[in-house]
N, C-alpha and C. Protein backbone atom coordinates (compact mmCIF):
# COMPACT_ATOMS: atom_id res chain seq x y z
N UNK A 1 24.98 177.65 -165.82
CA UNK A 1 26.03 178.52 -166.34
C UNK A 1 25.71 179.98 -166.07
N UNK A 2 26.71 180.67 -165.61
CA UNK A 2 26.54 182.10 -165.42
C UNK A 2 27.02 182.80 -166.67
N UNK A 3 26.23 183.72 -167.14
CA UNK A 3 26.62 184.47 -168.33
C UNK A 3 27.54 185.60 -167.91
N UNK A 4 28.49 185.88 -168.77
CA UNK A 4 29.41 186.98 -168.50
C UNK A 4 28.66 188.29 -168.69
N UNK A 5 28.90 189.20 -167.77
CA UNK A 5 28.28 190.51 -167.88
C UNK A 5 29.05 191.31 -168.91
N UNK A 6 28.32 191.94 -169.79
CA UNK A 6 28.95 192.79 -170.79
C UNK A 6 29.03 194.20 -170.26
N UNK A 7 30.13 194.81 -170.54
CA UNK A 7 30.33 196.20 -170.15
C UNK A 7 29.64 197.08 -171.18
N UNK A 8 28.93 198.07 -170.71
CA UNK A 8 28.21 198.92 -171.64
C UNK A 8 29.18 199.77 -172.45
N UNK A 9 28.83 200.03 -173.67
CA UNK A 9 29.68 200.82 -174.55
C UNK A 9 29.71 202.28 -174.12
N UNK A 10 28.67 202.73 -173.44
CA UNK A 10 28.66 204.12 -173.00
C UNK A 10 29.71 204.36 -171.92
N UNK A 11 30.00 203.37 -171.09
CA UNK A 11 31.03 203.53 -170.06
C UNK A 11 32.39 203.73 -170.71
N UNK A 12 32.67 202.98 -171.78
CA UNK A 12 33.94 203.13 -172.49
C UNK A 12 34.00 204.48 -173.19
N UNK A 13 32.88 204.92 -173.74
CA UNK A 13 32.86 206.17 -174.49
C UNK A 13 33.11 207.36 -173.56
N UNK A 14 32.66 207.25 -172.31
CA UNK A 14 32.87 208.34 -171.37
C UNK A 14 34.35 208.47 -171.01
N UNK A 15 35.07 207.35 -170.95
CA UNK A 15 36.48 207.36 -170.61
C UNK A 15 37.34 207.92 -171.73
N UNK A 16 36.90 207.74 -172.95
CA UNK A 16 37.69 208.16 -174.11
C UNK A 16 36.97 209.29 -174.86
N UNK A 17 37.38 210.49 -174.56
CA UNK A 17 36.82 211.64 -175.26
C UNK A 17 37.89 212.15 -176.21
N UNK A 18 37.75 211.91 -177.50
CA UNK A 18 38.81 212.27 -178.43
C UNK A 18 39.11 213.77 -178.48
N UNK A 19 38.11 214.61 -178.22
CA UNK A 19 38.34 216.05 -178.29
C UNK A 19 38.65 216.65 -176.93
N UNK A 20 38.59 215.85 -175.87
CA UNK A 20 38.84 216.35 -174.53
C UNK A 20 40.30 216.22 -174.13
N UNK A 21 40.65 216.75 -172.96
CA UNK A 21 42.04 216.67 -172.50
C UNK A 21 42.38 215.25 -172.04
N UNK A 22 43.67 214.93 -172.10
CA UNK A 22 44.12 213.63 -171.61
C UNK A 22 44.01 213.62 -170.10
N UNK A 23 43.81 212.42 -169.54
CA UNK A 23 43.71 212.29 -168.10
C UNK A 23 45.06 212.60 -167.46
N UNK A 24 45.05 213.09 -166.22
CA UNK A 24 46.31 213.44 -165.57
C UNK A 24 47.12 212.19 -165.20
N UNK A 25 48.44 212.33 -165.24
CA UNK A 25 49.33 211.24 -164.85
C UNK A 25 49.58 211.30 -163.35
N UNK A 26 49.85 210.14 -162.78
CA UNK A 26 50.18 210.09 -161.36
C UNK A 26 51.66 210.39 -161.16
N UNK A 27 52.03 210.63 -159.92
CA UNK A 27 53.43 210.89 -159.58
C UNK A 27 54.29 209.69 -159.95
N UNK A 28 53.75 208.49 -159.77
CA UNK A 28 54.46 207.26 -160.10
C UNK A 28 54.82 207.22 -161.58
N UNK A 29 53.89 207.60 -162.45
CA UNK A 29 54.17 207.58 -163.89
C UNK A 29 55.17 208.65 -164.30
N UNK A 30 55.13 209.80 -163.63
CA UNK A 30 56.15 210.81 -163.90
C UNK A 30 57.54 210.28 -163.53
N UNK A 31 57.61 209.60 -162.39
CA UNK A 31 58.87 208.99 -161.96
C UNK A 31 59.35 207.96 -162.99
N UNK A 32 58.46 207.09 -163.41
CA UNK A 32 58.82 206.03 -164.37
C UNK A 32 59.31 206.64 -165.68
N UNK A 33 58.61 207.63 -166.20
CA UNK A 33 59.00 208.26 -167.46
C UNK A 33 60.32 209.01 -167.34
N UNK A 34 60.62 209.51 -166.15
CA UNK A 34 61.86 210.24 -165.92
C UNK A 34 63.06 209.28 -165.81
N UNK A 35 62.87 208.16 -165.14
CA UNK A 35 63.99 207.26 -164.83
C UNK A 35 64.19 206.11 -165.82
N UNK A 36 63.15 205.74 -166.57
CA UNK A 36 63.24 204.58 -167.45
C UNK A 36 64.37 204.67 -168.49
N UNK A 37 64.54 205.78 -169.22
CA UNK A 37 65.60 205.82 -170.23
C UNK A 37 66.99 205.59 -169.63
N UNK A 38 67.27 206.19 -168.48
CA UNK A 38 68.58 206.02 -167.85
C UNK A 38 68.77 204.58 -167.39
N UNK A 39 67.71 203.98 -166.85
CA UNK A 39 67.80 202.59 -166.39
C UNK A 39 68.04 201.65 -167.57
N UNK A 40 67.40 201.91 -168.70
CA UNK A 40 67.57 201.04 -169.86
C UNK A 40 68.99 201.14 -170.41
N UNK A 41 69.61 202.32 -170.34
CA UNK A 41 71.00 202.47 -170.76
C UNK A 41 71.94 201.80 -169.76
N UNK A 42 71.63 201.98 -168.48
CA UNK A 42 72.47 201.44 -167.41
C UNK A 42 72.41 199.92 -167.36
N UNK A 43 71.25 199.35 -167.62
CA UNK A 43 71.05 197.90 -167.53
C UNK A 43 70.47 197.35 -168.84
N UNK A 44 71.27 197.30 -169.92
CA UNK A 44 70.75 196.83 -171.21
C UNK A 44 70.35 195.35 -171.20
N UNK A 45 70.80 194.61 -170.19
CA UNK A 45 70.46 193.20 -170.09
C UNK A 45 69.01 192.98 -169.65
N UNK A 46 68.40 193.99 -169.02
CA UNK A 46 67.02 193.86 -168.56
C UNK A 46 66.04 194.16 -169.69
N UNK A 47 64.98 193.37 -169.75
CA UNK A 47 63.90 193.65 -170.69
C UNK A 47 63.00 194.72 -170.07
N UNK A 48 62.03 195.15 -170.82
CA UNK A 48 61.15 196.23 -170.38
C UNK A 48 60.49 195.90 -169.03
N UNK A 49 60.01 194.68 -168.88
CA UNK A 49 59.36 194.27 -167.63
C UNK A 49 60.32 194.29 -166.46
N UNK A 50 61.57 193.90 -166.69
CA UNK A 50 62.57 193.91 -165.63
C UNK A 50 62.92 195.32 -165.20
N UNK A 51 62.99 196.23 -166.16
CA UNK A 51 63.26 197.64 -165.86
C UNK A 51 62.11 198.19 -165.03
N UNK A 52 60.88 197.89 -165.43
CA UNK A 52 59.71 198.37 -164.70
C UNK A 52 59.71 197.83 -163.28
N UNK A 53 60.02 196.57 -163.11
CA UNK A 53 60.04 195.96 -161.78
C UNK A 53 61.09 196.64 -160.90
N UNK A 54 62.27 196.89 -161.45
CA UNK A 54 63.34 197.54 -160.68
C UNK A 54 62.94 198.96 -160.29
N UNK A 55 62.36 199.70 -161.24
CA UNK A 55 61.94 201.07 -160.95
C UNK A 55 60.80 201.11 -159.93
N UNK A 56 59.93 200.12 -159.97
CA UNK A 56 58.84 200.03 -159.00
C UNK A 56 59.42 199.81 -157.61
N UNK A 57 60.41 198.94 -157.50
CA UNK A 57 61.08 198.72 -156.21
C UNK A 57 61.72 200.01 -155.72
N UNK A 58 62.38 200.74 -156.63
CA UNK A 58 63.01 202.01 -156.27
C UNK A 58 61.97 203.01 -155.76
N UNK A 59 60.83 203.07 -156.45
CA UNK A 59 59.75 203.99 -156.07
C UNK A 59 59.24 203.65 -154.67
N UNK A 60 59.06 202.36 -154.40
CA UNK A 60 58.53 201.94 -153.10
C UNK A 60 59.51 202.22 -151.97
N UNK A 61 60.80 202.27 -152.26
CA UNK A 61 61.82 202.52 -151.23
C UNK A 61 62.06 204.02 -151.00
N UNK A 62 61.59 204.86 -151.91
CA UNK A 62 61.81 206.30 -151.79
C UNK A 62 61.01 206.88 -150.64
N UNK A 63 61.59 207.90 -149.98
CA UNK A 63 60.85 208.59 -148.93
C UNK A 63 60.01 209.71 -149.55
N UNK A 64 59.17 210.31 -148.74
CA UNK A 64 58.25 211.33 -149.25
C UNK A 64 58.98 212.55 -149.80
N UNK A 65 60.11 212.88 -149.21
CA UNK A 65 60.87 214.04 -149.68
C UNK A 65 61.37 213.83 -151.11
N UNK A 66 61.80 212.60 -151.42
CA UNK A 66 62.29 212.30 -152.76
C UNK A 66 61.13 212.25 -153.77
N UNK A 67 59.96 211.87 -153.29
CA UNK A 67 58.78 211.78 -154.17
C UNK A 67 58.13 213.15 -154.41
N UNK A 68 58.53 214.14 -153.62
CA UNK A 68 57.87 215.45 -153.67
C UNK A 68 57.92 216.07 -155.06
N UNK A 69 59.04 215.92 -155.76
CA UNK A 69 59.19 216.47 -157.11
C UNK A 69 58.11 215.92 -158.03
N UNK A 70 57.89 214.62 -157.96
CA UNK A 70 56.92 213.96 -158.83
C UNK A 70 55.49 214.23 -158.37
N UNK A 71 55.28 214.37 -157.06
CA UNK A 71 53.96 214.73 -156.55
C UNK A 71 53.55 216.12 -157.05
N UNK A 72 54.52 217.03 -157.09
CA UNK A 72 54.24 218.40 -157.57
C UNK A 72 53.87 218.37 -159.05
N UNK A 73 54.59 217.56 -159.84
CA UNK A 73 54.28 217.45 -161.27
C UNK A 73 52.88 216.88 -161.46
N UNK A 74 52.52 215.89 -160.65
CA UNK A 74 51.20 215.27 -160.75
C UNK A 74 50.10 216.26 -160.35
N UNK A 75 50.37 217.06 -159.34
CA UNK A 75 49.39 218.06 -158.89
C UNK A 75 49.13 219.10 -159.97
N UNK A 76 50.20 219.54 -160.64
CA UNK A 76 50.04 220.50 -161.74
C UNK A 76 49.22 219.90 -162.88
N UNK A 77 49.50 218.62 -163.18
CA UNK A 77 48.78 217.96 -164.26
C UNK A 77 47.30 217.77 -163.89
N UNK A 78 47.05 217.48 -162.62
CA UNK A 78 45.67 217.30 -162.17
C UNK A 78 44.91 218.63 -162.26
N UNK A 79 45.59 219.73 -161.93
CA UNK A 79 44.96 221.05 -162.04
C UNK A 79 44.66 221.38 -163.51
N UNK A 80 45.57 221.00 -164.39
CA UNK A 80 45.36 221.23 -165.82
C UNK A 80 44.13 220.47 -166.31
N UNK A 81 43.96 219.25 -165.85
CA UNK A 81 42.86 218.41 -166.29
C UNK A 81 41.55 218.97 -165.81
């Protein structure tokens, strides 16, 4: 039997600094947070997972010019962090 490796508690503690700044969001998450409320109103029949799947498909079909707005938001957040 192979024993499961335990993750050290110090690794988790480094990721979660209660007094430090929150980690920066990616452009994808800015897009999701921007579009999710409208999609949920537009498609009330979809559950949360269905909305996420549809928005992910939309994100993957977008060209770089359309993603530029969200890339800029992510870059500002990364600089803040």
